[in-house]
Amino acid sequence: MKRKDLYSFIDINYYSATPKYLQLANAIIKAIEEGKLKIDESLPSLNELGDEFEIARATVEKSYKHLKRIGVIASVPGKGYFIKGVPLNSPLKILILFNKLSPHKKIVYDAFVANIGDTASIDLFIYNNDFSFFKKLLTSRMNDYTHYVILPHFMEGGARVHEVINTIPKNKLILLDKLVPGVTGEFAAIYENFENDIYHALEKALEQLGKYHTLNIIFPEYTHFPIEIVTGFERFCDEYAFKHHVIRNLKEAAIQPGEVFITLMEDDLVVLVERILSTPLVVGKDVGVISYNESPLKKIILNGITTISSDFQLMGEKAAAAILHHSIEREEIPFHIALRSSL
């Protein structure tokens, strides 16, 4: 085979989270499985391959050593490397699609990577809550991966997301964070129950909430957060006789004593804290503050912000386990409330 033909089988993504040595090894394995590389066919030298793709010789050497260790290639002193056999098991090549970057998404990703194993190839893409971009990313890579880990939140267009997700073979699909109505078949899902989660979290804070008369949730008109959060919030307030409001624009809302504010977005939390600090009101006494999604800073700000949060570490761990164990189970992740001085 001509070198230029072999090079056409190899694609190195210099922006991928997957190490280059593993991208190279997986490209060679894929070429063997597709019959583009044959048994006993020679491979380029370390220097040749490094020069062609502008990667270090040590990176190519690490890739070849990995392939030798799993029995795919062999070498003969003075003659170089050649294809020895077909891999018994295809390597994991995983596409992760997140709606945005955030501290808790990083927790999910880090837990997933730590548990999936060091031979898995992982590509992470952020689609910025944009359905059109999500669809383009997914459809252009539909045949490139062994598994698709999708966290589906959209600003608009999300009503049609099930049509796109249903094109993925269900044994390759892992849904994270939420179930998508209309996605059919048997597939793995690690998800939150947004309505029940906020309802039960507020129930656990009932004693602290008792010193306030009104609960407010900041839920912008244009947001990726599920409307089920509002449903659960309103159900709690109706059942326990709290006055309540859904605030679309925090900057226009009055901050009065005896009220609790629940923020979903970090920007709204900053605005809320700044506005409260500009008044004589005391957080945790006159006004209560609850924030979605735990972070280290929230343990410190205002002597501690009360948070309601999913177990994102567990979400990442279970997503990895679903792939490794070929699971099609759907598991609901527990929700927790951390009661602190802000309430």
Protein backbone atom coordinates (compact mmCIF):
# COMPACT_ATOMS: atom_id res chain seq x y z
CA MET A 1 0.00 0.00 0.00
CA LYS A 2 1.20 3.50 -0.83
CA ARG A 3 1.97 5.71 2.13
CA LYS A 4 -0.47 8.38 0.95
CA ASP A 5 -3.27 5.80 0.98
CA LEU A 6 -2.46 4.77 4.51
CA TYR A 7 -2.24 8.36 5.66
CA SER A 8 -5.77 8.99 4.34
CA PHE A 9 -7.10 6.52 6.94
CA ILE A 10 -5.65 8.51 9.82
CA ASP A 11 -7.28 11.63 11.22
CA ILE A 12 -5.71 13.41 14.18
CA ASN A 13 -7.96 15.91 15.94
CA TYR A 14 -5.56 18.31 17.60
CA TYR A 15 -8.34 19.79 19.75
CA SER A 16 -9.71 16.49 21.04
CA ALA A 17 -9.44 15.50 24.71
CA THR A 18 -8.34 12.04 23.52
CA PRO A 19 -4.53 11.68 23.57
CA LYS A 20 -2.96 11.76 20.10
CA TYR A 21 -1.29 8.38 20.61
CA LEU A 22 -4.71 6.81 21.21
CA GLN A 23 -6.29 8.59 18.24
CA LEU A 24 -3.51 7.17 16.04
CA ALA A 25 -3.88 3.65 17.44
CA ASN A 26 -7.66 3.70 17.05
CA ALA A 27 -7.39 4.92 13.45
CA ILE A 28 -5.11 1.98 12.60
CA ILE A 29 -7.46 -0.48 14.33
CA LYS A 30 -10.44 0.93 12.44
CA ALA A 31 -8.57 0.60 9.13
CA ILE A 32 -7.82 -3.06 9.93
CA GLU A 33 -11.45 -3.79 10.85
CA GLU A 34 -12.65 -2.17 7.61
CA GLY A 35 -10.18 -4.19 5.54
CA LYS A 36 -8.15 -1.17 4.48
CA LEU A 37 -5.05 -2.55 6.20
CA LYS A 38 -4.17 -6.24 5.77
CA ILE A 39 -2.25 -8.76 7.84
CA ASP A 40 1.54 -8.49 7.25
CA GLU A 41 1.20 -5.04 5.69
CA SER A 42 3.99 -2.70 6.75
CA LEU A 43 3.50 0.55 8.64
CA PRO A 44 5.42 3.83 8.40
CA SER A 45 8.41 4.36 10.65
CA LEU A 46 8.12 6.45 13.80
CA ASN A 47 9.78 9.39 12.11
CA GLU A 48 7.70 9.15 8.93
CA LEU A 49 4.40 9.10 10.76
CA GLY A 50 5.47 11.84 13.17
CA ASP A 51 6.55 14.12 10.31
CA GLU A 52 3.38 13.50 8.31
CA PHE A 53 1.04 14.51 11.15
CA GLU A 54 3.36 16.91 12.96
CA ILE A 55 3.34 14.92 16.19
CA ALA A 56 6.29 13.93 18.33
CA ARG A 57 8.20 10.72 17.57
CA ALA A 58 7.59 9.68 21.18
CA THR A 59 3.81 9.96 20.59
CA VAL A 60 3.98 7.62 17.60
CA GLU A 61 6.17 5.23 19.57
CA LYS A 62 3.66 5.19 22.42
CA SER A 63 0.89 4.43 19.94
CA TYR A 64 2.81 1.55 18.37
CA LYS A 65 3.68 0.13 21.81
CA HIS A 66 -0.01 0.19 22.71
CA LEU A 67 -0.87 -1.66 19.49
CA LYS A 68 1.89 -4.21 20.14
CA ARG A 69 0.62 -4.78 23.68
CA ILE A 70 -2.87 -5.69 22.43
CA GLY A 71 -1.50 -7.88 19.64
CA VAL A 72 -2.42 -5.72 16.65
CA ILE A 73 1.08 -5.03 15.30
CA ALA A 74 4.57 -6.49 15.64
CA SER A 75 8.06 -5.35 14.67
CA VAL A 76 11.20 -6.89 13.22
CA PRO A 77 14.56 -5.23 13.92
CA GLY A 78 15.81 -3.53 10.79
CA LYS A 79 12.50 -3.97 8.94
CA GLY A 80 10.05 -1.95 11.01
CA TYR A 81 6.45 -2.44 12.04
CA PHE A 82 3.72 -4.52 10.37
CA ILE A 83 0.14 -5.63 10.96
CA LYS A 84 0.06 -8.80 13.02
CA GLY A 85 -3.62 -9.47 13.63
CA VAL A 86 -7.16 -8.21 13.97
CA PRO A 87 -8.05 -6.87 17.44
CA LEU A 88 -10.36 -9.15 19.39
CA ASN A 89 -12.35 -6.25 20.81
CA SER A 90 -12.94 -2.91 19.19
CA PRO A 91 -11.72 0.01 21.32
CA LEU A 92 -14.28 2.34 22.84
CA LYS A 93 -14.65 5.56 20.90
CA ILE A 94 -17.08 7.86 22.66
CA LEU A 95 -18.72 11.12 21.62
CA ILE A 96 -19.92 13.34 24.47
CA LEU A 97 -22.28 16.21 23.66
CA PHE A 98 -22.81 18.74 26.46
CA ASN A 99 -25.06 21.77 26.16
CA LYS A 100 -22.55 24.10 27.85
CA LEU A 101 -19.47 24.25 30.04
CA SER A 102 -20.03 24.66 33.78
CA PRO A 103 -18.44 23.50 37.04
CA HIS A 104 -20.95 20.68 37.50
CA LYS A 105 -20.56 19.51 33.88
CA LYS A 106 -16.83 19.26 34.55
CA ILE A 107 -17.59 17.04 37.55
CA VAL A 108 -19.65 14.74 35.31
CA TYR A 109 -16.93 14.65 32.65
CA ASP A 110 -14.05 14.05 35.08
CA ALA A 111 -15.93 11.23 36.83
CA PHE A 112 -16.76 9.65 33.48
CA VAL A 113 -13.16 9.80 32.25
CA ALA A 114 -11.80 8.44 35.54
CA ASN A 115 -14.08 5.41 35.35
CA ILE A 116 -14.20 4.54 31.65
CA GLY A 117 -10.57 3.36 31.44
CA ASP A 118 -7.43 4.82 29.87
CA THR A 119 -7.81 3.09 26.49
CA ALA A 120 -11.13 4.72 25.59
CA SER A 121 -11.09 7.51 23.04
CA ILE A 122 -13.32 10.42 24.08
CA ASP A 123 -14.35 13.46 22.05
CA LEU A 124 -16.21 16.22 23.90
CA PHE A 125 -18.20 18.86 22.01
CA ILE A 126 -20.24 21.77 23.38
CA TYR A 127 -23.32 22.79 21.36
CA ASN A 128 -24.27 25.87 23.43
CA ASN A 129 -27.95 24.90 23.85
CA ASP A 130 -28.33 25.30 20.07
CA PHE A 131 -30.45 22.57 18.45
CA SER A 132 -29.22 23.25 14.91
CA PHE A 133 -25.59 23.02 16.00
CA PHE A 134 -26.36 19.88 18.02
CA LYS A 135 -27.96 18.23 14.99
CA LYS A 136 -25.02 19.16 12.77
CA LEU A 137 -22.46 17.82 15.25
CA LEU A 138 -24.30 14.55 15.70
CA THR A 139 -25.28 13.77 12.12
CA SER A 140 -21.80 14.51 10.79
CA ARG A 141 -20.33 11.95 13.20
CA MET A 142 -23.06 9.33 13.20
CA ASN A 143 -20.83 6.43 12.12
CA ASP A 144 -17.62 7.40 13.89
CA TYR A 145 -18.27 6.25 17.47
CA THR A 146 -19.07 3.17 19.51
CA HIS A 147 -21.13 5.20 22.01
CA TYR A 148 -22.91 8.55 22.21
CA VAL A 149 -23.28 10.28 25.60
CA ILE A 150 -25.79 13.10 25.23
CA LEU A 151 -26.90 15.76 27.70
CA PRO A 152 -29.95 17.31 25.96
CA HIS A 153 -30.84 20.90 26.96
CA PHE A 154 -31.87 23.51 24.40
CA MET A 155 -33.01 27.11 24.27
CA GLU A 156 -35.31 26.44 21.29
CA GLY A 157 -35.93 23.71 18.73
CA GLY A 158 -35.71 21.03 21.38
CA ALA A 159 -39.20 19.74 20.53
CA ARG A 160 -37.63 17.91 17.57
CA VAL A 161 -34.57 16.56 19.34
CA HIS A 162 -36.09 13.09 19.70
CA GLU A 163 -36.10 12.75 15.90
CA VAL A 164 -32.34 13.24 15.80
CA ILE A 165 -31.56 11.09 18.83
CA ASN A 166 -33.70 8.25 17.46
CA THR A 167 -31.26 7.89 14.55
CA ILE A 168 -28.62 6.60 17.00
CA PRO A 169 -28.59 2.81 17.54
CA LYS A 170 -30.02 2.44 21.03
CA ASN A 171 -27.24 0.10 22.21
CA LYS A 172 -24.85 3.02 21.60
CA LEU A 173 -26.92 5.71 23.37
CA ILE A 174 -26.55 7.03 26.92
CA LEU A 175 -28.79 9.96 27.86
CA LEU A 176 -27.62 12.14 30.72
CA ASP A 177 -29.45 14.50 33.07
CA LYS A 178 -32.93 14.22 31.52
CA LEU A 179 -35.17 11.84 29.61
CA VAL A 180 -36.33 13.08 26.22
CA PRO A 181 -40.00 12.44 25.33
CA GLY A 182 -40.29 10.58 22.05
CA VAL A 183 -36.95 8.76 22.25
CA THR A 184 -37.96 5.15 21.78
CA GLY A 185 -36.37 1.76 22.31
CA GLU A 186 -34.17 0.35 25.05
CA PHE A 187 -31.25 2.58 25.96
CA ALA A 188 -29.25 3.64 29.00
CA ALA A 189 -30.19 6.85 30.81
CA ILE A 190 -28.78 8.49 33.93
CA TYR A 191 -31.23 11.27 34.71
CA GLU A 192 -32.74 13.72 37.15
CA ASN A 193 -36.44 13.95 38.01
CA PHE A 194 -36.63 17.73 37.98
CA GLU A 195 -40.18 18.10 39.31
CA ASN A 196 -39.82 15.68 42.21
CA ASP A 197 -36.25 16.75 42.99
CA ILE A 198 -37.04 20.37 43.80
CA TYR A 199 -40.25 19.38 45.61
CA HIS A 200 -38.49 16.95 47.96
CA ALA A 201 -35.46 19.23 48.40
CA LEU A 202 -37.71 22.05 49.62
CA GLU A 203 -39.55 19.61 51.88
CA LYS A 204 -36.26 18.86 53.63
CA ALA A 205 -35.82 22.61 54.24
CA LEU A 206 -39.37 23.08 55.54
CA GLU A 207 -38.25 24.04 59.06
CA GLN A 208 -35.89 26.74 57.76
CA LEU A 209 -38.45 27.98 55.21
CA GLY A 210 -41.04 28.37 57.97
CA LYS A 211 -39.71 31.82 58.96
CA TYR A 212 -40.51 33.20 55.49
CA HIS A 213 -43.91 33.87 53.91
CA THR A 214 -43.04 33.98 50.19
CA LEU A 215 -40.91 31.82 47.90
CA ASN A 216 -39.61 33.13 44.58
CA ILE A 217 -37.90 31.18 41.82
CA ILE A 218 -35.89 33.02 39.18
CA PHE A 219 -36.83 31.31 35.93
CA PRO A 220 -36.00 33.42 32.86
CA GLU A 221 -38.33 33.38 29.87
CA TYR A 222 -35.46 32.25 27.66
CA THR A 223 -33.66 29.38 29.37
CA HIS A 224 -32.53 25.79 28.86
CA PHE A 225 -33.73 24.72 32.31
CA PRO A 226 -36.67 22.25 32.23
CA ILE A 227 -40.11 23.69 33.01
CA GLU A 228 -40.64 20.72 35.35
CA ILE A 229 -38.59 22.66 37.92
CA VAL A 230 -41.32 25.30 38.08
CA THR A 231 -44.00 22.61 38.26
CA GLY A 232 -42.34 21.02 41.29
CA PHE A 233 -41.76 24.41 42.92
CA GLU A 234 -45.40 25.44 42.52
CA ARG A 235 -46.64 22.06 43.77
CA PHE A 236 -44.58 22.44 46.94
CA CYS A 237 -45.77 26.02 47.55
CA ASP A 238 -49.43 25.08 47.01
CA GLU A 239 -49.22 22.08 49.31
CA TYR A 240 -47.45 23.92 52.13
CA ALA A 241 -49.34 27.22 51.73
CA PHE A 242 -46.48 29.52 50.70
CA LYS A 243 -47.09 32.58 48.62
CA HIS A 244 -44.94 32.21 45.53
CA HIS A 245 -43.83 33.90 42.34
CA VAL A 246 -42.02 32.86 39.19
CA ILE A 247 -39.72 35.79 38.40
CA ARG A 248 -38.65 36.20 34.79
CA ASN A 249 -36.33 39.17 35.25
CA LEU A 250 -34.53 39.47 38.59
CA LYS A 251 -33.36 43.01 37.93
CA GLU A 252 -36.97 44.22 37.90
CA ALA A 253 -38.10 42.27 40.99
CA ALA A 254 -38.46 43.87 44.41
CA ILE A 255 -36.51 42.31 47.28
CA GLN A 256 -38.63 42.34 50.40
CA PRO A 257 -38.11 40.93 53.91
CA GLY A 258 -39.73 37.56 54.54
CA GLU A 259 -39.00 36.25 51.06
CA VAL A 260 -36.79 33.44 49.72
CA PHE A 261 -35.16 33.58 46.29
CA ILE A 262 -34.19 30.42 44.39
CA THR A 263 -31.70 30.98 41.57
CA LEU A 264 -30.92 28.51 38.80
CA MET A 265 -28.23 30.46 36.94
CA GLU A 266 -24.91 31.63 38.36
CA ASP A 267 -25.33 35.09 36.84
CA ASP A 268 -28.65 35.54 38.63
CA LEU A 269 -27.06 34.48 41.93
CA VAL A 270 -24.43 37.20 41.54
CA VAL A 271 -27.06 39.83 40.73
CA LEU A 272 -29.19 38.71 43.70
CA VAL A 273 -26.32 38.84 46.19
CA GLU A 274 -25.22 42.26 44.95
CA ARG A 275 -28.75 43.64 45.27
CA ILE A 276 -29.25 42.23 48.76
CA LEU A 277 -25.90 43.60 49.97
CA SER A 278 -26.96 47.05 48.78
CA THR A 279 -29.90 46.96 51.26
CA PRO A 280 -30.08 46.73 55.08
CA LEU A 281 -31.55 43.22 54.73
CA VAL A 282 -29.62 40.34 56.31
CA VAL A 283 -29.27 37.12 54.32
CA GLY A 284 -30.54 34.16 56.32
CA LYS A 285 -32.61 36.36 58.61
CA ASP A 286 -34.62 38.83 56.54
CA VAL A 287 -34.13 37.22 53.12
CA GLY A 288 -33.38 33.63 52.19
CA VAL A 289 -31.19 32.48 49.27
CA ILE A 290 -31.11 29.04 47.63
CA SER A 291 -28.97 28.26 44.60
CA TYR A 292 -29.08 25.36 42.15
CA ASN A 293 -25.98 23.18 41.72
CA GLU A 294 -23.29 22.88 44.34
CA SER A 295 -19.85 24.45 43.92
CA PRO A 296 -16.94 25.06 46.33
CA LEU A 297 -17.48 28.84 46.35
CA LYS A 298 -21.07 28.48 47.50
CA LYS A 299 -19.84 26.91 50.70
CA ILE A 300 -18.06 30.19 51.48
CA ILE A 301 -20.10 33.08 50.01
CA LEU A 302 -22.21 34.84 52.69
CA ASN A 303 -21.03 32.24 55.22
CA GLY A 304 -22.54 29.55 53.01
CA ILE A 305 -25.21 29.49 50.30
CA THR A 306 -27.87 26.80 50.62
CA THR A 307 -27.80 24.64 47.50
CA ILE A 308 -29.97 21.99 45.91
CA SER A 309 -28.00 19.79 43.59
CA SER A 310 -27.83 16.45 41.86
CA ASP A 311 -24.96 14.03 42.51
CA PHE A 312 -22.96 14.87 39.38
CA GLN A 313 -20.04 12.68 40.43
CA LEU A 314 -22.37 9.69 40.54
CA MET A 315 -23.88 10.66 37.19
CA GLY A 316 -20.48 10.47 35.50
CA GLU A 317 -19.61 7.21 37.22
CA LYS A 318 -22.87 5.54 36.24
CA ALA A 319 -22.59 6.72 32.62
CA ALA A 320 -19.18 5.04 32.37
CA ALA A 321 -20.54 1.89 34.04
CA ALA A 322 -23.43 1.74 31.55
CA ILE A 323 -20.95 1.56 28.68
CA LEU A 324 -18.57 -0.88 30.31
CA HIS A 325 -21.39 -3.23 31.39
CA HIS A 326 -23.47 -2.87 28.20
CA SER A 327 -26.38 -1.68 30.31
CA ILE A 328 -29.71 -0.38 29.02
CA GLU A 329 -31.00 0.50 32.49
CA ARG A 330 -32.51 3.89 33.30
CA GLU A 331 -31.35 5.21 36.65
CA GLU A 332 -32.62 8.26 38.51
CA ILE A 333 -29.85 10.20 40.25
CA PRO A 334 -30.57 11.36 43.82
CA PHE A 335 -30.92 15.04 44.62
CA HIS A 336 -29.51 16.68 47.75
CA ILE A 337 -29.99 19.92 49.65
CA ALA A 338 -27.12 21.46 51.60
CA LEU A 339 -28.59 23.69 54.31
CA ARG A 340 -26.38 26.69 55.11
CA SER A 341 -26.53 30.19 56.61
CA SER A 342 -28.27 31.80 53.61
CA LEU A 343 -31.55 30.19 54.64
